[in-house]
C-alpha atoms as a PDB file:
ATOM      1  CA  MET A   1      -0.322 -12.815   2.385  1.00  0.00           C
ATOM      2  CA  ILE A   2       1.749  -9.647   1.575  1.00  0.00           C
ATOM      3  CA  VAL A   3       0.279  -6.296   2.132  1.00  0.00           C
ATOM      4  CA  ALA A   4       1.038  -3.199   0.825  1.00  0.00           C
ATOM      5  CA  ILE A   5       0.858   0.034   2.731  1.00  0.00           C
ATOM      6  CA  PRO A   6       1.304   3.553   1.325  1.00  0.00           C
ATOM      7  CA  SER A   7       4.370   5.209   3.209  1.00  0.00           C
ATOM      8  CA  SER A   8       6.011   8.287   3.521  1.00  0.00           C
ATOM      9  CA  SER A   9       9.551   7.313   3.683  1.00  0.00           C
ATOM     10  CA  ASP A  10      11.304   3.696   3.555  1.00  0.00           C
ATOM     11  CA  LYS A  11      11.695   3.396   7.289  1.00  0.00           C
ATOM     12  CA  ILE A  12       9.367   1.214   9.320  1.00  0.00           C
ATOM     13  CA  ASP A  13       8.762   4.243  11.814  1.00  0.00           C
ATOM     14  CA  ALA A  14       7.286   5.885   9.116  1.00  0.00           C
ATOM     15  CA  LEU A  15       3.943   7.447   8.991  1.00  0.00           C
ATOM     16  CA  ILE A  16       1.015   6.103   6.215  1.00  0.00           C
ATOM     17  CA  ASP A  17       1.220   8.331   3.823  1.00  0.00           C
ATOM     18  CA  ASP A  18      -2.367   9.684   2.953  1.00  0.00           C
ATOM     19  CA  ARG A  19      -1.803   9.310  -1.003  1.00  0.00           C
ATOM     20  CA  PHE A  20      -2.314   6.347  -2.076  1.00  0.00           C
ATOM     21  CA  ALA A  21      -1.564   6.267  -5.579  1.00  0.00           C
ATOM     22  CA  ARG A  22       0.947   9.509  -5.307  1.00  0.00           C
ATOM     23  CA  CYS A  23       2.767   8.099  -2.176  1.00  0.00           C
ATOM     24  CA  PRO A  24       6.980   7.620  -2.323  1.00  0.00           C
ATOM     25  CA  PHE A  25       7.251   3.960  -1.046  1.00  0.00           C
ATOM     26  CA  PHE A  26       4.940   1.417  -0.116  1.00  0.00           C
ATOM     27  CA  CYS A  27       5.796  -1.404   2.580  1.00  0.00           C
ATOM     28  CA  PHE A  28       5.787  -4.827   1.551  1.00  0.00           C
ATOM     29  CA  TYR A  29       5.150  -6.773   4.574  1.00  0.00           C
ATOM     30  CA  ASN A  30       4.785 -10.491   4.643  1.00  0.00           C
ATOM     31  CA  THR A  31       2.586 -11.851   7.196  1.00  0.00           C
ATOM     32  CA  GLU A  32       3.953 -15.436   6.657  1.00  0.00           C
ATOM     33  CA  THR A  33       7.584 -14.931   6.690  1.00  0.00           C
ATOM     34  CA  LYS A  34       7.309 -11.464   8.711  1.00  0.00           C
ATOM     35  CA  GLY A  35       9.617 -10.158   6.025  1.00  0.00           C
ATOM     36  CA  ILE A  36       9.374  -6.322   5.005  1.00  0.00           C
ATOM     37  CA  GLU A  37      10.363  -4.655   1.759  1.00  0.00           C
ATOM     38  CA  PHE A  38      10.282  -0.840   0.391  1.00  0.00           C
ATOM     39  CA  LYS A  39      10.118  -0.344  -2.956  1.00  0.00           C
ATOM     40  CA  GLU A  40       9.586   3.343  -4.508  1.00  0.00           C
ATOM     41  CA  ASN A  41       6.775   4.413  -6.169  1.00  0.00           C
ATOM     42  CA  SER A  42       8.451   5.530  -9.527  1.00  0.00           C
ATOM     43  CA  LEU A  43       4.362   6.016 -10.745  1.00  0.00           C
ATOM     44  CA  ARG A  44       4.140   8.749  -8.392  1.00  0.00           C
ATOM     45  CA  ASN A  45       4.285  11.395 -10.913  1.00  0.00           C
ATOM     46  CA  ALA A  46       2.365  10.123 -13.740  1.00  0.00           C
ATOM     47  CA  MET A  47       0.199  12.686 -15.439  1.00  0.00           C
ATOM     48  CA  ASP A  48      -3.055  10.843 -15.173  1.00  0.00           C
ATOM     49  CA  GLY A  49      -4.478   7.238 -14.753  1.00  0.00           C
ATOM     50  CA  ILE A  50      -2.040   6.595 -11.605  1.00  0.00           C
ATOM     51  CA  GLY A  51      -4.263   4.824  -9.803  1.00  0.00           C
ATOM     52  CA  PRO A  52      -4.776   1.951 -11.925  1.00  0.00           C
ATOM     53  CA  GLN A  53      -0.986   1.757 -12.937  1.00  0.00           C
ATOM     54  CA  VAL A  54       0.075   1.415  -9.239  1.00  0.00           C
ATOM     55  CA  VAL A  55      -2.822  -1.261  -8.573  1.00  0.00           C
ATOM     56  CA  GLU A  56      -1.308  -3.111 -11.380  1.00  0.00           C
ATOM     57  CA  PHE A  57       2.263  -2.671  -9.776  1.00  0.00           C
ATOM     58  CA  LEU A  58       0.829  -3.994  -6.605  1.00  0.00           C
ATOM     59  CA  ALA A  59      -1.082  -7.009  -8.689  1.00  0.00           C
ATOM     60  CA  ASN A  60       2.401  -7.584 -10.160  1.00  0.00           C
ATOM     61  CA  ASN A  61       4.158  -7.999  -6.833  1.00  0.00           C
ATOM     62  CA  GLY A  62       1.863 -10.640  -5.439  1.00  0.00           C
ATOM     63  CA  ILE A  63      -0.087  -8.169  -3.051  1.00  0.00           C
ATOM     64  CA  SER A  64      -2.993  -9.563  -1.169  1.00  0.00           C
ATOM     65  CA  GLU A  65      -4.313  -6.673   0.869  1.00  0.00           C
ATOM     66  CA  VAL A  66      -4.054  -3.042   0.732  1.00  0.00           C
ATOM     67  CA  TYR A  67      -3.702  -0.773   4.071  1.00  0.00           C
ATOM     68  CA  ALA A  68      -4.452   2.988   3.306  1.00  0.00           C
ATOM     69  CA  PHE A  69      -6.243   6.204   4.030  1.00  0.00           C
ATOM     70  CA  GLU A  70      -7.786   6.494   0.986  1.00  0.00           C
ATOM     71  CA  ILE A  71      -7.887   5.031  -2.161  1.00  0.00           C
ATOM     72  CA  GLY A  72      -9.664   6.637  -5.575  1.00  0.00           C
ATOM     73  CA  PRO A  73     -13.047   5.427  -7.022  1.00  0.00           C
ATOM     74  CA  LYS A  74     -11.039   3.903 -10.077  1.00  0.00           C
ATOM     75  CA  ALA A  75      -8.294   2.363  -8.606  1.00  0.00           C
ATOM     76  CA  GLN A  76     -10.599   0.636  -5.914  1.00  0.00           C
ATOM     77  CA  LYS A  77     -12.724  -0.694  -8.812  1.00  0.00           C
ATOM     78  CA  ILE A  78      -9.558  -2.586 -10.470  1.00  0.00           C
ATOM     79  CA  LEU A  79      -8.581  -3.808  -6.778  1.00  0.00           C
ATOM     80  CA  ASP A  80     -11.832  -5.486  -6.313  1.00  0.00           C
ATOM     81  CA  LYS A  81     -11.532  -6.981  -9.773  1.00  0.00           C
ATOM     82  CA  LEU A  82      -8.280  -8.485  -8.905  1.00  0.00           C
ATOM     83  CA  ASN A  83     -10.076  -9.817  -5.547  1.00  0.00           C
ATOM     84  CA  ILE A  84      -7.058  -7.779  -3.829  1.00  0.00           C
ATOM     85  CA  ARG A  85      -8.975  -6.444  -0.399  1.00  0.00           C
ATOM     86  CA  THR A  86      -8.779  -3.276   1.035  1.00  0.00           C
ATOM     87  CA  LYS A  87      -8.508  -1.803   4.769  1.00  0.00           C
ATOM     88  CA  LEU A  88      -8.440   1.773   5.606  1.00  0.00           C
ATOM     89  CA  VAL A  89      -6.653   3.167   8.333  1.00  0.00           C
ATOM     90  CA  ASN A  90      -5.943   6.074   9.988  1.00  0.00           C
ATOM     91  CA  THR A  91      -3.073   8.398   8.830  1.00  0.00           C
ATOM     92  CA  LYS A  92      -1.596   8.936  12.163  1.00  0.00           C
ATOM     93  CA  GLN A  93      -0.420   6.008  12.380  1.00  0.00           C
ATOM     94  CA  THR A  94       3.203   4.275  11.591  1.00  0.00           C
ATOM     95  CA  LEU A  95       3.825   1.391   9.622  1.00  0.00           C
ATOM     96  CA  GLN A  96       5.001  -0.459  12.708  1.00  0.00           C
ATOM     97  CA  GLN A  97       1.735   0.462  14.414  1.00  0.00           C
ATOM     98  CA  VAL A  98      -0.048  -1.380  11.251  1.00  0.00           C
ATOM     99  CA  ILE A  99       2.058  -4.182  11.050  1.00  0.00           C
ATOM    100  CA  ASN A 100       1.587  -4.941  14.661  1.00  0.00           C
ATOM    101  CA  MET A 101      -1.907  -5.055  14.750  1.00  0.00           C
ATOM    102  CA  LEU A 102      -1.861  -7.200  11.548  1.00  0.00           C
ATOM    103  CA  ASN A 103       0.704 -10.074  13.606  1.00  0.00           C
ATOM    104  CA  ASN A 104      -2.021  -9.572  16.766  1.00  0.00           C
END
């Protein structure tokens, strides 16, 4: 399963970004291979409709689950429609802390 986490930078010790659709990067974590990949969120500066566009980007990258601080209602509706699970987490956590939680 591949998990997406909005990130404030492309480093594993970065904090979860509190902006789901407007985060600078997404950390993609593969729970089977333990692989980590960062992808820049090139949609973060879009004028409107950004949440659904970001969800489409995540779906196209094979994401099964999203860990985020907050997700807007339009994005959440599409995530639900695509059967991409969501988990809300504390923004004070680093990506590494979330990954450690996934491995337990």
